[in-house]
C-alpha atoms as a PDB file:
ATOM      1  CA  UNK A   1       0.000   0.000   0.000  1.00  0.00           C
ATOM      2  CA  UNK A   2       1.332   3.452  -0.854  1.00  0.00           C
ATOM      3  CA  UNK A   3       1.882   6.023   1.886  1.00  0.00           C
ATOM      4  CA  UNK A   4      -0.875   8.353   0.621  1.00  0.00           C
ATOM      5  CA  UNK A   5      -3.400   5.483   0.490  1.00  0.00           C
ATOM      6  CA  UNK A   6      -2.462   4.708   4.105  1.00  0.00           C
ATOM      7  CA  UNK A   7      -2.954   8.375   5.055  1.00  0.00           C
ATOM      8  CA  UNK A   8      -6.319   8.463   3.231  1.00  0.00           C
ATOM      9  CA  UNK A   9      -7.419   5.361   5.146  1.00  0.00           C
ATOM     10  CA  UNK A  10      -6.295   6.846   8.474  1.00  0.00           C
ATOM     11  CA  UNK A  11      -3.597   4.223   9.005  1.00  0.00           C
ATOM     12  CA  UNK A  12      -0.955   6.966   9.072  1.00  0.00           C
ATOM     13  CA  UNK A  13      -1.859  10.191  10.905  1.00  0.00           C
ATOM     14  CA  UNK A  14      -1.910  13.534   9.134  1.00  0.00           C
ATOM     15  CA  UNK A  15      -2.792  17.105  10.010  1.00  0.00           C
ATOM     16  CA  UNK A  16      -5.989  17.400   7.986  1.00  0.00           C
ATOM     17  CA  UNK A  17      -7.116  20.631   6.393  1.00  0.00           C
ATOM     18  CA  UNK A  18     -10.232  19.432   4.579  1.00  0.00           C
ATOM     19  CA  UNK A  19     -11.730  16.041   3.809  1.00  0.00           C
ATOM     20  CA  UNK A  20     -14.565  14.737   1.678  1.00  0.00           C
ATOM     21  CA  UNK A  21     -15.641  11.241   0.754  1.00  0.00           C
ATOM     22  CA  UNK A  22     -13.310  11.328  -2.295  1.00  0.00           C
ATOM     23  CA  UNK A  23     -10.454  13.706  -1.420  1.00  0.00           C
ATOM     24  CA  UNK A  24      -8.147  14.713   1.412  1.00  0.00           C
ATOM     25  CA  UNK A  25      -6.047  17.823   2.006  1.00  0.00           C
ATOM     26  CA  UNK A  26      -3.383  17.824   4.699  1.00  0.00           C
ATOM     27  CA  UNK A  27      -0.225  19.707   5.656  1.00  0.00           C
ATOM     28  CA  UNK A  28       3.083  18.524   4.204  1.00  0.00           C
ATOM     29  CA  UNK A  29       5.474  17.173   6.860  1.00  0.00           C
ATOM     30  CA  UNK A  30       8.405  18.853   5.088  1.00  0.00           C
ATOM     31  CA  UNK A  31       7.015  22.292   4.153  1.00  0.00           C
ATOM     32  CA  UNK A  32       8.669  24.261   1.373  1.00  0.00           C
ATOM     33  CA  UNK A  33       6.692  27.458   2.114  1.00  0.00           C
ATOM     34  CA  UNK A  34       4.871  29.004   5.080  1.00  0.00           C
ATOM     35  CA  UNK A  35       1.763  27.182   3.869  1.00  0.00           C
ATOM     36  CA  UNK A  36       2.363  23.807   2.221  1.00  0.00           C
ATOM     37  CA  UNK A  37      -0.630  21.542   1.735  1.00  0.00           C
ATOM     38  CA  UNK A  38      -1.026  18.296  -0.163  1.00  0.00           C
ATOM     39  CA  UNK A  39      -4.256  17.349  -1.901  1.00  0.00           C
ATOM     40  CA  UNK A  40      -4.931  13.737  -2.876  1.00  0.00           C
ATOM     41  CA  UNK A  41      -7.797  11.668  -4.195  1.00  0.00           C
ATOM     42  CA  UNK A  42      -8.571   8.818  -1.811  1.00  0.00           C
ATOM     43  CA  UNK A  43      -8.717   6.476  -4.792  1.00  0.00           C
ATOM     44  CA  UNK A  44      -5.263   5.435  -5.962  1.00  0.00           C
ATOM     45  CA  UNK A  45      -4.017   6.866  -9.254  1.00  0.00           C
ATOM     46  CA  UNK A  46      -0.287   6.703  -9.940  1.00  0.00           C
ATOM     47  CA  UNK A  47      -0.009  10.179 -11.452  1.00  0.00           C
ATOM     48  CA  UNK A  48      -1.692  12.775 -13.651  1.00  0.00           C
ATOM     49  CA  UNK A  49      -1.405  10.466 -16.674  1.00  0.00           C
ATOM     50  CA  UNK A  50      -3.422   7.819 -14.798  1.00  0.00           C
ATOM     51  CA  UNK A  51      -6.226   9.933 -13.292  1.00  0.00           C
ATOM     52  CA  UNK A  52      -9.586  10.205 -15.032  1.00  0.00           C
ATOM     53  CA  UNK A  53     -10.980  13.529 -16.260  1.00  0.00           C
ATOM     54  CA  UNK A  54     -14.074  13.126 -14.065  1.00  0.00           C
ATOM     55  CA  UNK A  55     -11.953  12.717 -10.918  1.00  0.00           C
ATOM     56  CA  UNK A  56      -9.871  15.765 -11.923  1.00  0.00           C
ATOM     57  CA  UNK A  57     -13.037  17.814 -12.406  1.00  0.00           C
ATOM     58  CA  UNK A  58     -14.233  16.944  -8.891  1.00  0.00           C
ATOM     59  CA  UNK A  59     -10.735  17.450  -7.479  1.00  0.00           C
ATOM     60  CA  UNK A  60     -10.616  20.949  -8.980  1.00  0.00           C
ATOM     61  CA  UNK A  61     -13.688  21.961  -6.990  1.00  0.00           C
ATOM     62  CA  UNK A  62     -12.190  20.411  -3.849  1.00  0.00           C
ATOM     63  CA  UNK A  63      -8.874  22.242  -4.316  1.00  0.00           C
ATOM     64  CA  UNK A  64     -10.744  25.533  -4.716  1.00  0.00           C
ATOM     65  CA  UNK A  65     -12.361  24.839  -1.333  1.00  0.00           C
ATOM     66  CA  UNK A  66      -8.944  24.039   0.173  1.00  0.00           C
ATOM     67  CA  UNK A  67      -7.413  27.384  -0.851  1.00  0.00           C
ATOM     68  CA  UNK A  68     -10.419  29.141   0.660  1.00  0.00           C
ATOM     69  CA  UNK A  69     -10.027  27.230   3.938  1.00  0.00           C
ATOM     70  CA  UNK A  70      -6.300  28.030   3.938  1.00  0.00           C
ATOM     71  CA  UNK A  71      -7.125  31.724   3.430  1.00  0.00           C
ATOM     72  CA  UNK A  72      -4.865  32.092   0.389  1.00  0.00           C
ATOM     73  CA  UNK A  73      -7.439  32.266  -2.420  1.00  0.00           C
ATOM     74  CA  UNK A  74      -7.024  36.017  -2.895  1.00  0.00           C
ATOM     75  CA  UNK A  75      -3.369  36.474  -1.897  1.00  0.00           C
ATOM     76  CA  UNK A  76      -2.156  33.801  -4.297  1.00  0.00           C
ATOM     77  CA  UNK A  77      -0.640  30.358  -4.252  1.00  0.00           C
ATOM     78  CA  UNK A  78       1.287  27.894  -6.382  1.00  0.00           C
ATOM     79  CA  UNK A  79      -0.135  24.498  -7.293  1.00  0.00           C
ATOM     80  CA  UNK A  80       2.262  21.791  -8.436  1.00  0.00           C
ATOM     81  CA  UNK A  81       2.031  18.143  -9.372  1.00  0.00           C
ATOM     82  CA  UNK A  82       5.130  16.127 -10.180  1.00  0.00           C
ATOM     83  CA  UNK A  83       4.867  13.288 -12.691  1.00  0.00           C
ATOM     84  CA  UNK A  84       7.337  10.420 -12.920  1.00  0.00           C
ATOM     85  CA  UNK A  85      10.979  10.160 -11.948  1.00  0.00           C
ATOM     86  CA  UNK A  86      12.193  12.944 -14.229  1.00  0.00           C
ATOM     87  CA  UNK A  87       9.394  15.201 -12.966  1.00  0.00           C
ATOM     88  CA  UNK A  88      10.477  14.695  -9.356  1.00  0.00           C
ATOM     89  CA  UNK A  89       7.550  12.540  -8.202  1.00  0.00           C
ATOM     90  CA  UNK A  90       8.508  10.840  -4.937  1.00  0.00           C
ATOM     91  CA  UNK A  91       5.209   9.171  -3.999  1.00  0.00           C
ATOM     92  CA  UNK A  92       3.483   7.218  -6.797  1.00  0.00           C
ATOM     93  CA  UNK A  93      -0.008   8.543  -5.980  1.00  0.00           C
ATOM     94  CA  UNK A  94      -1.252  11.678  -7.733  1.00  0.00           C
ATOM     95  CA  UNK A  95      -1.029  14.647  -5.418  1.00  0.00           C
ATOM     96  CA  UNK A  96      -0.976  18.393  -5.720  1.00  0.00           C
ATOM     97  CA  UNK A  97       1.195  20.665  -3.608  1.00  0.00           C
ATOM     98  CA  UNK A  98      -0.336  24.007  -2.654  1.00  0.00           C
ATOM     99  CA  UNK A  99       2.382  26.470  -1.643  1.00  0.00           C
ATOM    100  CA  UNK A 100       1.426  29.856  -0.232  1.00  0.00           C
ATOM    101  CA  UNK A 101       1.648  32.241   2.692  1.00  0.00           C
ATOM    102  CA  UNK A 102       4.585  34.218   1.327  1.00  0.00           C
ATOM    103  CA  UNK A 103       5.863  35.658  -1.933  1.00  0.00           C
ATOM    104  CA  UNK A 104       7.221  32.717  -3.918  1.00  0.00           C
ATOM    105  CA  UNK A 105      10.125  33.018  -6.340  1.00  0.00           C
ATOM    106  CA  UNK A 106       9.567  32.717 -10.057  1.00  0.00           C
ATOM    107  CA  UNK A 107      10.082  29.318 -11.626  1.00  0.00           C
ATOM    108  CA  UNK A 108      10.314  30.421 -15.258  1.00  0.00           C
END
């Protein structure tokens, strides 16, 4: 079982931000910004290439709720998903990082 599936099932504790029957948002244990949340579907998908469009549509609505709960909707945030080894994906379960709470440097 992957670590994010275990977190979604409550077998590994997390500091939850928001939860629904299909998705979970929780704080990253190794934050890269003042606010660093992870958003996952509870159903296992390896990465963005594996997830279905219908799940992504529902996840979009959930992530919009998360940024509101975090209080960063209007101040701004960065949303990142890493795909595969070359993309820097460390956990093979699709997840989005939400980084916020401070001015973030430009990536490109």
